[in-house]
C-alpha atoms as a PDB file:
ATOM      1  CA  UNK A   1       0.000   0.000   0.000  1.00  0.00           C
ATOM      2  CA  UNK A   2       2.750   2.466   0.932  1.00  0.00           C
ATOM      3  CA  UNK A   3       4.700   1.450  -2.143  1.00  0.00           C
ATOM      4  CA  UNK A   4       1.669   2.166  -4.332  1.00  0.00           C
ATOM      5  CA  UNK A   5       1.244   5.618  -2.757  1.00  0.00           C
ATOM      6  CA  UNK A   6       4.934   6.362  -3.260  1.00  0.00           C
ATOM      7  CA  UNK A   7       4.712   5.366  -6.931  1.00  0.00           C
ATOM      8  CA  UNK A   8       1.630   7.536  -7.412  1.00  0.00           C
ATOM      9  CA  UNK A   9       3.405  10.505  -5.816  1.00  0.00           C
ATOM     10  CA  UNK A  10       6.419   9.985  -8.085  1.00  0.00           C
ATOM     11  CA  UNK A  11       4.105   9.912 -11.113  1.00  0.00           C
ATOM     12  CA  UNK A  12       2.388  13.092  -9.961  1.00  0.00           C
ATOM     13  CA  UNK A  13       5.724  14.844  -9.445  1.00  0.00           C
ATOM     14  CA  UNK A  14       6.883  13.742 -12.907  1.00  0.00           C
ATOM     15  CA  UNK A  15       3.639  14.978 -14.465  1.00  0.00           C
ATOM     16  CA  UNK A  16       3.947  18.287 -12.587  1.00  0.00           C
ATOM     17  CA  UNK A  17       7.518  18.783 -13.789  1.00  0.00           C
ATOM     18  CA  UNK A  18       6.489  17.978 -17.352  1.00  0.00           C
ATOM     19  CA  UNK A  19       3.628  20.466 -17.209  1.00  0.00           C
ATOM     20  CA  UNK A  20       5.872  23.117 -15.646  1.00  0.00           C
ATOM     21  CA  UNK A  21       8.428  22.653 -18.426  1.00  0.00           C
ATOM     22  CA  UNK A  22       5.659  22.947 -21.040  1.00  0.00           C
ATOM     23  CA  UNK A  23       4.347  26.085 -19.329  1.00  0.00           C
ATOM     24  CA  UNK A  24       7.831  27.642 -19.318  1.00  0.00           C
ATOM     25  CA  UNK A  25       8.257  26.790 -23.003  1.00  0.00           C
ATOM     26  CA  UNK A  26       4.886  28.322 -23.899  1.00  0.00           C
ATOM     27  CA  UNK A  27       5.656  31.439 -21.854  1.00  0.00           C
ATOM     28  CA  UNK A  28       8.899  31.902 -23.771  1.00  0.00           C
ATOM     29  CA  UNK A  29       7.071  31.438 -27.086  1.00  0.00           C
ATOM     30  CA  UNK A  30       4.434  33.959 -26.024  1.00  0.00           C
ATOM     31  CA  UNK A  31       7.092  36.516 -25.140  1.00  0.00           C
ATOM     32  CA  UNK A  32       8.817  35.946 -28.484  1.00  0.00           C
ATOM     33  CA  UNK A  33       5.500  36.332 -30.305  1.00  0.00           C
ATOM     34  CA  UNK A  34       4.782  39.606 -28.505  1.00  0.00           C
ATOM     35  CA  UNK A  35       8.204  40.945 -29.471  1.00  0.00           C
ATOM     36  CA  UNK A  36       7.635  39.890 -33.075  1.00  0.00           C
ATOM     37  CA  UNK A  37       4.232  41.597 -33.104  1.00  0.00           C
ATOM     38  CA  UNK A  38       5.743  44.850 -31.797  1.00  0.00           C
ATOM     39  CA  UNK A  39       8.505  44.731 -34.401  1.00  0.00           C
ATOM     40  CA  UNK A  40       5.969  44.117 -37.164  1.00  0.00           C
ATOM     41  CA  UNK A  41       3.760  46.957 -35.901  1.00  0.00           C
ATOM     42  CA  UNK A  42       6.773  49.286 -36.068  1.00  0.00           C
ATOM     43  CA  UNK A  43       7.552  48.070 -39.572  1.00  0.00           C
ATOM     44  CA  UNK A  44       3.936  48.622 -40.678  1.00  0.00           C
ATOM     45  CA  UNK A  45       3.968  52.147 -39.261  1.00  0.00           C
ATOM     46  CA  UNK A  46       7.192  52.885 -41.149  1.00  0.00           C
ATOM     47  CA  UNK A  47       5.763  51.498 -44.370  1.00  0.00           C
ATOM     48  CA  UNK A  48       2.581  53.534 -43.930  1.00  0.00           C
ATOM     49  CA  UNK A  49       4.716  56.674 -43.538  1.00  0.00           C
ATOM     50  CA  UNK A  50       6.562  55.761 -46.725  1.00  0.00           C
ATOM     51  CA  UNK A  51       3.277  55.301 -48.574  1.00  0.00           C
ATOM     52  CA  UNK A  52       2.048  58.693 -47.337  1.00  0.00           C
ATOM     53  CA  UNK A  53       5.287  60.315 -48.432  1.00  0.00           C
ATOM     54  CA  UNK A  54       5.057  58.685 -51.850  1.00  0.00           C
ATOM     55  CA  UNK A  55       1.461  59.838 -52.247  1.00  0.00           C
ATOM     56  CA  UNK A  56       2.454  63.372 -51.320  1.00  0.00           C
ATOM     57  CA  UNK A  57       5.412  63.266 -53.698  1.00  0.00           C
ATOM     58  CA  UNK A  58       3.184  61.970 -56.462  1.00  0.00           C
ATOM     59  CA  UNK A  59       0.636  64.714 -55.782  1.00  0.00           C
ATOM     60  CA  UNK A  60       3.319  67.384 -56.047  1.00  0.00           C
ATOM     61  CA  UNK A  61       4.839  65.910 -59.179  1.00  0.00           C
ATOM     62  CA  UNK A  62       1.456  65.564 -60.847  1.00  0.00           C
ATOM     63  CA  UNK A  63       0.533  69.114 -59.787  1.00  0.00           C
ATOM     64  CA  UNK A  64       3.610  70.390 -61.557  1.00  0.00           C
ATOM     65  CA  UNK A  65       2.606  68.392 -64.631  1.00  0.00           C
ATOM     66  CA  UNK A  66      -0.708  70.162 -64.810  1.00  0.00           C
ATOM     67  CA  UNK A  67      -3.087  67.893 -62.854  1.00  0.00           C
ATOM     68  CA  UNK A  68      -5.840  70.357 -61.863  1.00  0.00           C
ATOM     69  CA  UNK A  69      -7.290  68.198 -59.065  1.00  0.00           C
ATOM     70  CA  UNK A  70      -3.929  67.811 -57.335  1.00  0.00           C
ATOM     71  CA  UNK A  71      -3.146  71.490 -57.796  1.00  0.00           C
ATOM     72  CA  UNK A  72      -6.511  72.399 -56.264  1.00  0.00           C
ATOM     73  CA  UNK A  73      -5.828  70.181 -53.235  1.00  0.00           C
ATOM     74  CA  UNK A  74      -2.438  71.789 -52.731  1.00  0.00           C
ATOM     75  CA  UNK A  75      -3.964  75.266 -53.019  1.00  0.00           C
ATOM     76  CA  UNK A  76      -6.572  74.373 -50.383  1.00  0.00           C
ATOM     77  CA  UNK A  77      -3.853  73.063 -48.080  1.00  0.00           C
ATOM     78  CA  UNK A  78      -1.840  76.238 -48.521  1.00  0.00           C
ATOM     79  CA  UNK A  79      -4.885  78.441 -47.805  1.00  0.00           C
ATOM     80  CA  UNK A  80      -5.627  76.455 -44.644  1.00  0.00           C
ATOM     81  CA  UNK A  81      -1.997  76.811 -43.599  1.00  0.00           C
ATOM     82  CA  UNK A  82      -2.098  80.563 -44.233  1.00  0.00           C
ATOM     83  CA  UNK A  83      -5.233  80.849 -42.078  1.00  0.00           C
ATOM     84  CA  UNK A  84      -3.529  78.958 -39.251  1.00  0.00           C
ATOM     85  CA  UNK A  85      -0.486  81.222 -39.429  1.00  0.00           C
ATOM     86  CA  UNK A  86      -2.702  84.314 -39.407  1.00  0.00           C
ATOM     87  CA  UNK A  87      -4.526  83.067 -36.309  1.00  0.00           C
ATOM     88  CA  UNK A  88      -1.233  82.363 -34.559  1.00  0.00           C
ATOM     89  CA  UNK A  89      -0.031  85.896 -35.255  1.00  0.00           C
ATOM     90  CA  UNK A  90      -3.036  87.421 -33.479  1.00  0.00           C
END
């Protein structure tokens, strides 16, 4: 009877250690995944900035080429900027 209890305790300890090792492994994987997600978020933000810059560059280059819609947008932006500057000077 005591031998059977001892064997059961040894099995439980072995199972516990196995589960603890699995938990530690999964925790490390989770941490790695979180770091990867943050790095990818930073990369996405950088790429979005590049896209915005390219769109702005394209708008300016097409405005110089005679695109009336782009030129109108730029004129509106400049007027809004002038209004802001005028308000700041008050």
